[in-house]
Amino acid sequence: MSGGGGADFVISRVFEAPRERVWQALTETERLKDWWPPKTFTMIHASIDLRPGGVFHCGMSSVEGYKVWAKFTYRDVVPLERLVFFSAFSNQAGELKRHPIVPTWPMQTLTAIALEEEAGNTKLTISWSPHEPTEIERQTFNASHIGLKATWNAAFDQLAAYLAKTG
C-alpha cells in the first residue's frame, strides 16, 4: 500500500465480535468516542462523512487540558471490508498541521484498514505508510515502528474492551 517510500507499518488483531460490530465501532462517532481516545484523553469533537472524499475530523483533550486535532480524508470506503484514508494532524478548523510533538512526522499518512471474518470473529489489519514524505519524514516514520506497535496495541486493547462490554 506504500504511500511514498519506506517500510509500511502493518499490525493485525482478531476481535471476538462480528465484522458488522467492528465496522460500526470504526465508523460511527458515538461508538468511536467510547474507545478511540487514549486513556488520558476524551473526545471533544467528532464528525464523520463516510464516503470517498469525505472527512472524519476529531478533537481530543487530555486530563491536563492539552488538545489535539486530527483529520482523515477517505479515499476508499467498502462497508464491512475496507477503509482507506489520508490521516493528518489538524487544527479545530480542519486545516492540516504538523505533529504537535514530532515536527519531522510526515504531514500525511496513508492508512488502510481491512476487516476479514474469521469463524464469527473479525481480523482487523492496519497498513500505514507516509504519504509523499520528505527523506527526514520517511526516516522518522520508519524509526517509529516500535512506538507505533505499542500505540496501536493500546488502541486495540481499548477496542476489544469496548466490544466486550457492548456485546
N, C-alpha and C. Protein backbone atom coordinates (compact mmCIF):
# COMPACT_ATOMS: atom_id res chain seq x y z
N MET A 1 0.83 -1.19 0.00
CA MET A 1 0.00 0.00 0.00
C MET A 1 0.86 1.24 0.00
N SER A 2 2.11 1.15 0.02
CA SER A 2 3.02 2.24 0.30
C SER A 2 2.58 3.58 -0.28
N GLY A 3 2.63 4.57 0.58
CA GLY A 3 2.19 5.90 0.20
C GLY A 3 3.33 6.80 -0.20
N GLY A 4 4.55 6.27 -0.30
CA GLY A 4 5.61 7.16 -0.73
C GLY A 4 6.98 6.79 -0.24
N GLY A 5 7.22 5.55 0.01
CA GLY A 5 8.57 5.16 0.37
C GLY A 5 8.69 4.75 1.81
N GLY A 6 9.65 3.92 2.05
CA GLY A 6 9.85 3.43 3.39
C GLY A 6 9.01 2.20 3.64
N ALA A 7 9.24 1.62 4.79
CA ALA A 7 8.53 0.39 5.12
C ALA A 7 7.15 0.71 5.68
N ASP A 8 6.13 0.06 5.12
CA ASP A 8 4.80 0.19 5.69
C ASP A 8 4.82 -0.37 7.10
N PHE A 9 4.00 0.20 7.96
CA PHE A 9 3.77 -0.35 9.28
C PHE A 9 2.48 -1.15 9.18
N VAL A 10 2.54 -2.44 9.56
CA VAL A 10 1.37 -3.31 9.46
C VAL A 10 1.15 -3.99 10.81
N ILE A 11 -0.11 -4.00 11.26
CA ILE A 11 -0.45 -4.65 12.52
C ILE A 11 -1.86 -5.23 12.40
N SER A 12 -2.07 -6.38 13.04
CA SER A 12 -3.37 -7.06 12.99
C SER A 12 -3.78 -7.51 14.37
N ARG A 13 -5.08 -7.67 14.54
CA ARG A 13 -5.63 -8.26 15.76
C ARG A 13 -6.95 -8.91 15.40
N VAL A 14 -7.25 -10.06 16.03
CA VAL A 14 -8.54 -10.70 15.87
C VAL A 14 -9.41 -10.31 17.06
N PHE A 15 -10.60 -9.80 16.77
CA PHE A 15 -11.54 -9.37 17.80
C PHE A 15 -12.68 -10.36 17.89
N GLU A 16 -13.11 -10.62 19.11
CA GLU A 16 -14.21 -11.55 19.35
C GLU A 16 -15.53 -10.81 19.17
N ALA A 17 -15.81 -10.47 17.93
CA ALA A 17 -17.04 -9.76 17.58
C ALA A 17 -17.25 -9.92 16.08
N PRO A 18 -18.51 -9.91 15.65
CA PRO A 18 -18.77 -9.98 14.22
C PRO A 18 -18.28 -8.72 13.50
N ARG A 19 -18.00 -8.89 12.23
CA ARG A 19 -17.44 -7.80 11.43
C ARG A 19 -18.33 -6.55 11.46
N GLU A 20 -19.63 -6.69 11.46
CA GLU A 20 -20.53 -5.54 11.47
C GLU A 20 -20.32 -4.68 12.72
N ARG A 21 -20.13 -5.30 13.88
CA ARG A 21 -19.92 -4.52 15.12
C ARG A 21 -18.56 -3.81 15.10
N VAL A 22 -17.54 -4.47 14.56
CA VAL A 22 -16.23 -3.82 14.47
C VAL A 22 -16.31 -2.64 13.50
N TRP A 23 -16.97 -2.83 12.38
CA TRP A 23 -17.17 -1.75 11.40
C TRP A 23 -17.87 -0.56 12.05
N GLN A 24 -18.94 -0.84 12.80
CA GLN A 24 -19.67 0.24 13.47
C GLN A 24 -18.76 0.99 14.46
N ALA A 25 -17.94 0.25 15.19
CA ALA A 25 -17.03 0.87 16.16
C ALA A 25 -16.02 1.78 15.47
N LEU A 26 -15.68 1.48 14.22
CA LEU A 26 -14.71 2.27 13.47
C LEU A 26 -15.33 3.46 12.73
N THR A 27 -16.64 3.42 12.51
CA THR A 27 -17.23 4.39 11.59
C THR A 27 -18.38 5.21 12.16
N GLU A 28 -18.76 5.00 13.40
CA GLU A 28 -19.86 5.76 13.99
C GLU A 28 -19.32 6.60 15.15
N THR A 29 -19.58 7.90 15.10
CA THR A 29 -18.97 8.82 16.07
C THR A 29 -19.28 8.45 17.52
N GLU A 30 -20.51 8.10 17.83
CA GLU A 30 -20.86 7.79 19.22
C GLU A 30 -20.08 6.57 19.72
N ARG A 31 -19.81 5.63 18.85
CA ARG A 31 -19.03 4.45 19.25
C ARG A 31 -17.54 4.79 19.35
N LEU A 32 -17.04 5.56 18.40
CA LEU A 32 -15.63 5.97 18.43
C LEU A 32 -15.29 6.71 19.72
N LYS A 33 -16.22 7.56 20.17
CA LYS A 33 -15.97 8.34 21.39
C LYS A 33 -15.73 7.43 22.59
N ASP A 34 -16.31 6.23 22.57
CA ASP A 34 -16.18 5.32 23.71
C ASP A 34 -14.85 4.57 23.77
N TRP A 35 -14.13 4.47 22.66
CA TRP A 35 -12.90 3.65 22.70
C TRP A 35 -11.69 4.28 22.03
N TRP A 36 -11.87 5.21 21.11
CA TRP A 36 -10.74 5.70 20.32
C TRP A 36 -9.74 6.55 21.10
N PRO A 37 -10.16 7.50 21.93
CA PRO A 37 -9.16 8.35 22.58
C PRO A 37 -8.25 7.55 23.51
N PRO A 38 -6.96 7.93 23.56
CA PRO A 38 -6.07 7.30 24.55
C PRO A 38 -6.66 7.46 25.95
N LYS A 39 -6.20 6.62 26.88
CA LYS A 39 -6.81 6.55 28.22
C LYS A 39 -6.90 7.88 28.95
N THR A 40 -5.95 8.77 28.75
CA THR A 40 -5.97 10.04 29.48
C THR A 40 -6.65 11.15 28.69
N PHE A 41 -7.33 10.82 27.58
CA PHE A 41 -8.00 11.80 26.73
C PHE A 41 -9.49 11.52 26.65
N THR A 42 -10.24 12.56 26.33
CA THR A 42 -11.66 12.41 25.98
C THR A 42 -11.86 13.08 24.63
N MET A 43 -12.81 12.57 23.87
CA MET A 43 -13.11 13.15 22.57
C MET A 43 -14.03 14.34 22.79
N ILE A 44 -13.62 15.51 22.29
CA ILE A 44 -14.40 16.73 22.46
C ILE A 44 -15.15 17.10 21.19
N HIS A 45 -14.79 16.47 20.08
CA HIS A 45 -15.47 16.71 18.81
C HIS A 45 -15.24 15.51 17.90
N ALA A 46 -16.26 15.11 17.17
CA ALA A 46 -16.11 14.07 16.15
C ALA A 46 -17.21 14.23 15.12
N SER A 47 -16.82 14.27 13.86
CA SER A 47 -17.79 14.28 12.77
C SER A 47 -17.27 13.36 11.68
N ILE A 48 -18.17 12.60 11.08
CA ILE A 48 -17.78 11.65 10.03
C ILE A 48 -18.69 11.84 8.81
N ASP A 49 -18.05 11.98 7.66
CA ASP A 49 -18.73 11.94 6.37
C ASP A 49 -18.11 10.74 5.64
N LEU A 50 -18.72 9.57 5.82
CA LEU A 50 -18.14 8.29 5.42
C LEU A 50 -18.41 8.00 3.95
N ARG A 51 -17.56 8.56 3.09
CA ARG A 51 -17.64 8.34 1.65
C ARG A 51 -16.30 8.77 1.07
N PRO A 52 -15.94 8.25 -0.12
CA PRO A 52 -14.70 8.73 -0.74
C PRO A 52 -14.75 10.26 -0.89
N GLY A 53 -13.71 10.92 -0.42
CA GLY A 53 -13.66 12.38 -0.40
C GLY A 53 -14.23 12.98 0.87
N GLY A 54 -14.95 12.17 1.67
CA GLY A 54 -15.50 12.63 2.94
C GLY A 54 -14.42 12.71 4.00
N VAL A 55 -14.76 13.30 5.13
CA VAL A 55 -13.77 13.58 6.18
C VAL A 55 -14.27 13.10 7.53
N PHE A 56 -13.33 12.55 8.31
CA PHE A 56 -13.51 12.34 9.75
C PHE A 56 -12.64 13.40 10.40
N HIS A 57 -13.24 14.25 11.22
CA HIS A 57 -12.50 15.30 11.93
C HIS A 57 -12.79 15.13 13.41
N CYS A 58 -11.73 15.08 14.21
CA CYS A 58 -11.95 14.90 15.64
C CYS A 58 -10.97 15.73 16.45
N GLY A 59 -11.39 16.01 17.67
CA GLY A 59 -10.56 16.69 18.63
C GLY A 59 -10.60 15.93 19.94
N MET A 60 -9.46 15.85 20.59
CA MET A 60 -9.36 15.17 21.89
C MET A 60 -8.67 16.10 22.88
N SER A 61 -9.05 15.95 24.14
CA SER A 61 -8.47 16.76 25.20
C SER A 61 -7.95 15.84 26.31
N SER A 62 -6.74 16.13 26.77
CA SER A 62 -6.16 15.33 27.86
C SER A 62 -6.70 15.84 29.19
N VAL A 63 -6.48 15.05 30.24
CA VAL A 63 -6.92 15.48 31.57
C VAL A 63 -6.22 16.77 31.99
N GLU A 64 -5.04 17.05 31.42
CA GLU A 64 -4.32 18.29 31.73
C GLU A 64 -4.81 19.46 30.88
N GLY A 65 -5.73 19.19 29.92
CA GLY A 65 -6.26 20.25 29.08
C GLY A 65 -5.56 20.40 27.74
N TYR A 66 -4.58 19.55 27.45
CA TYR A 66 -3.89 19.58 26.17
C TYR A 66 -4.83 19.08 25.08
N LYS A 67 -4.95 19.81 23.98
CA LYS A 67 -5.86 19.42 22.90
C LYS A 67 -5.08 19.00 21.66
N VAL A 68 -5.60 17.97 20.98
CA VAL A 68 -5.02 17.51 19.73
C VAL A 68 -6.17 17.26 18.75
N TRP A 69 -5.95 17.64 17.51
CA TRP A 69 -6.96 17.52 16.46
C TRP A 69 -6.42 16.66 15.33
N ALA A 70 -7.30 15.94 14.66
CA ALA A 70 -6.90 15.09 13.54
C ALA A 70 -7.96 15.17 12.44
N LYS A 71 -7.50 14.91 11.23
CA LYS A 71 -8.40 14.92 10.07
C LYS A 71 -8.04 13.74 9.18
N PHE A 72 -9.03 12.91 8.87
CA PHE A 72 -8.86 11.79 7.94
C PHE A 72 -9.71 12.11 6.72
N THR A 73 -9.14 11.98 5.55
CA THR A 73 -9.89 12.16 4.30
C THR A 73 -10.00 10.81 3.63
N TYR A 74 -11.23 10.32 3.51
CA TYR A 74 -11.45 8.97 2.99
C TYR A 74 -11.17 8.91 1.49
N ARG A 75 -10.45 7.88 1.12
CA ARG A 75 -10.11 7.62 -0.28
C ARG A 75 -10.94 6.45 -0.81
N ASP A 76 -11.19 5.46 0.04
CA ASP A 76 -11.93 4.27 -0.36
C ASP A 76 -12.73 3.78 0.84
N VAL A 77 -14.01 3.51 0.63
CA VAL A 77 -14.89 3.01 1.68
C VAL A 77 -15.67 1.84 1.10
N VAL A 78 -15.39 0.64 1.62
CA VAL A 78 -16.14 -0.56 1.23
C VAL A 78 -16.75 -1.10 2.52
N PRO A 79 -18.05 -0.83 2.74
CA PRO A 79 -18.67 -1.22 4.01
C PRO A 79 -18.37 -2.66 4.40
N LEU A 80 -18.03 -2.81 5.69
CA LEU A 80 -17.71 -4.08 6.35
C LEU A 80 -16.39 -4.69 5.90
N GLU A 81 -15.71 -4.08 4.93
CA GLU A 81 -14.48 -4.68 4.41
C GLU A 81 -13.25 -3.79 4.52
N ARG A 82 -13.36 -2.51 4.10
CA ARG A 82 -12.14 -1.73 3.96
C ARG A 82 -12.40 -0.23 4.10
N LEU A 83 -11.46 0.43 4.76
CA LEU A 83 -11.38 1.89 4.81
C LEU A 83 -9.96 2.28 4.41
N VAL A 84 -9.83 3.23 3.51
CA VAL A 84 -8.52 3.75 3.14
C VAL A 84 -8.64 5.27 3.23
N PHE A 85 -7.69 5.89 3.93
CA PHE A 85 -7.79 7.33 4.12
C PHE A 85 -6.42 7.95 4.34
N PHE A 86 -6.33 9.23 4.03
CA PHE A 86 -5.17 10.04 4.37
C PHE A 86 -5.42 10.58 5.76
N SER A 87 -4.46 10.45 6.66
CA SER A 87 -4.62 10.97 8.01
C SER A 87 -3.57 12.04 8.27
N ALA A 88 -3.98 13.02 9.06
CA ALA A 88 -3.09 14.14 9.38
C ALA A 88 -3.53 14.77 10.69
N PHE A 89 -2.62 15.47 11.30
CA PHE A 89 -2.98 16.32 12.42
C PHE A 89 -3.59 17.58 11.82
N SER A 90 -4.45 18.21 12.59
CA SER A 90 -5.12 19.42 12.09
C SER A 90 -5.34 20.38 13.24
N ASN A 91 -6.00 21.48 12.92
CA ASN A 91 -6.47 22.37 13.97
C ASN A 91 -7.98 22.20 14.08
N GLN A 92 -8.59 22.98 14.94
CA GLN A 92 -10.03 22.87 15.16
C GLN A 92 -10.82 23.14 13.88
N ALA A 93 -10.28 23.97 13.00
CA ALA A 93 -10.97 24.31 11.75
C ALA A 93 -10.76 23.25 10.67
N GLY A 94 -9.91 22.25 10.94
CA GLY A 94 -9.67 21.19 9.97
C GLY A 94 -8.51 21.45 9.03
N GLU A 95 -7.76 22.52 9.26
CA GLU A 95 -6.59 22.81 8.43
C GLU A 95 -5.45 21.90 8.88
N LEU A 96 -4.73 21.30 7.92
CA LEU A 96 -3.65 20.38 8.26
C LEU A 96 -2.53 21.11 8.99
N LYS A 97 -2.00 20.44 10.01
CA LYS A 97 -0.91 20.98 10.82
C LYS A 97 0.14 19.90 11.04
N ARG A 98 1.31 20.31 11.44
CA ARG A 98 2.38 19.38 11.78
C ARG A 98 2.05 18.66 13.08
N HIS A 99 2.66 17.49 13.27
CA HIS A 99 2.55 16.75 14.53
C HIS A 99 2.91 17.70 15.67
N PRO A 100 2.12 17.71 16.74
CA PRO A 100 2.34 18.69 17.81
C PRO A 100 3.62 18.45 18.62
N ILE A 101 4.19 17.26 18.55
CA ILE A 101 5.38 16.97 19.35
C ILE A 101 6.58 16.59 18.48
N VAL A 102 6.31 15.91 17.35
CA VAL A 102 7.38 15.42 16.47
C VAL A 102 7.29 16.18 15.14
N PRO A 103 8.03 17.28 15.01
CA PRO A 103 7.89 18.12 13.81
C PRO A 103 8.32 17.44 12.51
N THR A 104 9.09 16.35 12.59
CA THR A 104 9.52 15.65 11.38
C THR A 104 8.62 14.46 11.03
N TRP A 105 7.48 14.32 11.74
CA TRP A 105 6.50 13.30 11.39
C TRP A 105 5.91 13.67 10.02
N PRO A 106 5.60 12.68 9.17
CA PRO A 106 5.01 13.00 7.86
C PRO A 106 3.76 13.87 7.99
N MET A 107 3.64 14.82 7.10
CA MET A 107 2.49 15.72 7.12
C MET A 107 1.20 14.92 6.95
N GLN A 108 1.23 13.88 6.10
CA GLN A 108 0.08 12.99 5.94
C GLN A 108 0.58 11.54 5.88
N THR A 109 -0.27 10.66 6.35
CA THR A 109 0.00 9.23 6.20
C THR A 109 -1.19 8.61 5.47
N LEU A 110 -0.93 7.49 4.83
CA LEU A 110 -1.98 6.75 4.15
C LEU A 110 -2.27 5.52 4.99
N THR A 111 -3.52 5.36 5.38
CA THR A 111 -3.94 4.28 6.26
C THR A 111 -4.94 3.41 5.53
N ALA A 112 -4.73 2.10 5.60
CA ALA A 112 -5.70 1.14 5.06
C ALA A 112 -6.10 0.21 6.19
N ILE A 113 -7.40 0.08 6.40
CA ILE A 113 -7.94 -0.82 7.41
C ILE A 113 -8.75 -1.88 6.69
N ALA A 114 -8.37 -3.14 6.91
CA ALA A 114 -9.10 -4.26 6.30
C ALA A 114 -9.76 -5.09 7.40
N LEU A 115 -10.99 -5.50 7.15
CA LEU A 115 -11.73 -6.36 8.08
C LEU A 115 -12.03 -7.68 7.38
N GLU A 116 -11.66 -8.78 8.04
CA GLU A 116 -11.92 -10.11 7.49
C GLU A 116 -12.64 -10.94 8.54
N GLU A 117 -13.65 -11.67 8.12
CA GLU A 117 -14.38 -12.55 9.02
C GLU A 117 -13.56 -13.81 9.26
N GLU A 118 -13.47 -14.23 10.51
CA GLU A 118 -12.75 -15.45 10.89
C GLU A 118 -13.57 -16.20 11.92
N ALA A 119 -14.38 -17.14 11.45
CA ALA A 119 -15.19 -18.00 12.34
C ALA A 119 -16.00 -17.20 13.35
N GLY A 120 -16.72 -16.20 12.89
CA GLY A 120 -17.55 -15.38 13.76
C GLY A 120 -16.81 -14.24 14.44
N ASN A 121 -15.51 -14.22 14.32
CA ASN A 121 -14.69 -13.13 14.84
C ASN A 121 -14.26 -12.24 13.68
N THR A 122 -13.54 -11.18 13.98
CA THR A 122 -13.11 -10.25 12.94
C THR A 122 -11.62 -9.98 13.07
N LYS A 123 -10.90 -10.22 11.98
CA LYS A 123 -9.49 -9.85 11.92
C LYS A 123 -9.41 -8.45 11.32
N LEU A 124 -8.80 -7.54 12.07
CA LEU A 124 -8.61 -6.16 11.64
C LEU A 124 -7.13 -5.98 11.36
N THR A 125 -6.80 -5.54 10.16
CA THR A 125 -5.41 -5.30 9.79
C THR A 125 -5.27 -3.85 9.36
N ILE A 126 -4.28 -3.19 9.92
CA ILE A 126 -3.97 -1.81 9.58
C ILE A 126 -2.63 -1.77 8.89
N SER A 127 -2.60 -1.13 7.71
CA SER A 127 -1.35 -0.85 7.00
C SER A 127 -1.22 0.67 6.96
N TRP A 128 -0.06 1.15 7.32
CA TRP A 128 0.13 2.58 7.47
C TRP A 128 1.44 2.97 6.83
N SER A 129 1.46 4.03 6.03
CA SER A 129 2.69 4.49 5.40
C SER A 129 2.68 6.01 5.27
N PRO A 130 3.87 6.61 5.22
CA PRO A 130 3.92 8.05 5.00
C PRO A 130 3.47 8.35 3.57
N HIS A 131 2.77 9.46 3.40
CA HIS A 131 2.30 9.86 2.07
C HIS A 131 3.16 11.00 1.57
N GLU A 132 3.84 10.77 0.44
CA GLU A 132 4.72 11.76 -0.17
C GLU A 132 5.66 12.41 0.85
N PRO A 133 6.40 11.57 1.60
CA PRO A 133 7.26 12.14 2.65
C PRO A 133 8.56 12.72 2.10
N THR A 134 9.10 13.66 2.87
CA THR A 134 10.48 14.07 2.64
C THR A 134 11.35 12.95 3.17
N GLU A 135 12.63 13.02 2.92
CA GLU A 135 13.54 11.98 3.42
C GLU A 135 13.53 11.92 4.95
N ILE A 136 13.54 13.06 5.62
CA ILE A 136 13.53 13.06 7.08
C ILE A 136 12.20 12.55 7.62
N GLU A 137 11.09 12.86 6.95
CA GLU A 137 9.79 12.33 7.38
C GLU A 137 9.76 10.81 7.22
N ARG A 138 10.31 10.30 6.13
CA ARG A 138 10.38 8.84 5.92
C ARG A 138 11.21 8.19 7.03
N GLN A 139 12.35 8.80 7.34
CA GLN A 139 13.21 8.25 8.39
C GLN A 139 12.51 8.28 9.74
N THR A 140 11.81 9.36 10.04
CA THR A 140 11.08 9.46 11.31
C THR A 140 10.02 8.38 11.40
N PHE A 141 9.25 8.20 10.33
CA PHE A 141 8.21 7.17 10.32
C PHE A 141 8.83 5.79 10.51
N ASN A 142 9.86 5.48 9.75
CA ASN A 142 10.48 4.15 9.84
C ASN A 142 11.06 3.89 11.23
N ALA A 143 11.61 4.92 11.86
CA ALA A 143 12.19 4.77 13.20
C ALA A 143 11.11 4.65 14.28
N SER A 144 9.87 4.93 13.94
CA SER A 144 8.78 4.95 14.92
C SER A 144 8.02 3.63 15.04
N HIS A 145 8.39 2.62 14.30
CA HIS A 145 7.60 1.39 14.26
C HIS A 145 7.39 0.73 15.63
N ILE A 146 8.39 0.74 16.48
CA ILE A 146 8.23 0.13 17.81
C ILE A 146 7.18 0.91 18.62
N GLY A 147 7.26 2.23 18.60
CA GLY A 147 6.28 3.05 19.30
C GLY A 147 4.89 2.92 18.69
N LEU A 148 4.83 2.82 17.37
CA LEU A 148 3.54 2.64 16.70
C LEU A 148 2.89 1.33 17.12
N LYS A 149 3.70 0.29 17.26
CA LYS A 149 3.16 -1.01 17.69
C LYS A 149 2.52 -0.87 19.07
N ALA A 150 3.20 -0.21 19.98
CA ALA A 150 2.66 -0.04 21.34
C ALA A 150 1.39 0.81 21.31
N THR A 151 1.39 1.87 20.52
CA THR A 151 0.23 2.75 20.43
C THR A 151 -0.97 2.03 19.84
N TRP A 152 -0.77 1.31 18.73
CA TRP A 152 -1.88 0.60 18.11
C TRP A 152 -2.36 -0.54 18.99
N ASN A 153 -1.44 -1.25 19.68
CA ASN A 153 -1.89 -2.32 20.58
C ASN A 153 -2.73 -1.76 21.72
N ALA A 154 -2.39 -0.58 22.23
CA ALA A 154 -3.20 0.05 23.28
C ALA A 154 -4.59 0.39 22.73
N ALA A 155 -4.65 0.91 21.51
CA ALA A 155 -5.94 1.21 20.89
C ALA A 155 -6.74 -0.07 20.68
N PHE A 156 -6.06 -1.13 20.23
CA PHE A 156 -6.74 -2.42 20.04
C PHE A 156 -7.27 -2.97 21.36
N ASP A 157 -6.50 -2.80 22.44
CA ASP A 157 -6.97 -3.25 23.76
C ASP A 157 -8.26 -2.51 24.14
N GLN A 158 -8.28 -1.20 23.88
CA GLN A 158 -9.48 -0.42 24.19
C GLN A 158 -10.66 -0.83 23.32
N LEU A 159 -10.39 -1.11 22.05
CA LEU A 159 -11.46 -1.57 21.16
C LEU A 159 -11.99 -2.93 21.61
N ALA A 160 -11.10 -3.84 21.99
CA ALA A 160 -11.53 -5.16 22.47
C ALA A 160 -12.40 -5.02 23.72
N ALA A 161 -12.00 -4.16 24.65
CA ALA A 161 -12.78 -3.94 25.87
C ALA A 161 -14.14 -3.34 25.54
N TYR A 162 -14.16 -2.37 24.60
CA TYR A 162 -15.42 -1.76 24.20
C TYR A 162 -16.35 -2.81 23.58
N LEU A 163 -15.82 -3.64 22.68
CA LEU A 163 -16.64 -4.67 22.02
C LEU A 163 -17.15 -5.69 23.04
N ALA A 164 -16.34 -6.02 24.03
CA ALA A 164 -16.75 -6.98 25.05
C ALA A 164 -17.89 -6.42 25.91
N LYS A 165 -17.80 -5.15 26.28
CA LYS A 165 -18.81 -4.56 27.16
C LYS A 165 -20.11 -4.22 26.41
N THR A 166 -20.03 -4.03 25.09
CA THR A 166 -21.23 -3.68 24.34
C THR A 166 -21.82 -4.87 23.58
N GLY A 167 -21.23 -6.04 23.78
CA GLY A 167 -21.66 -7.26 23.06
C GLY A 167 -23.00 -7.71 23.46
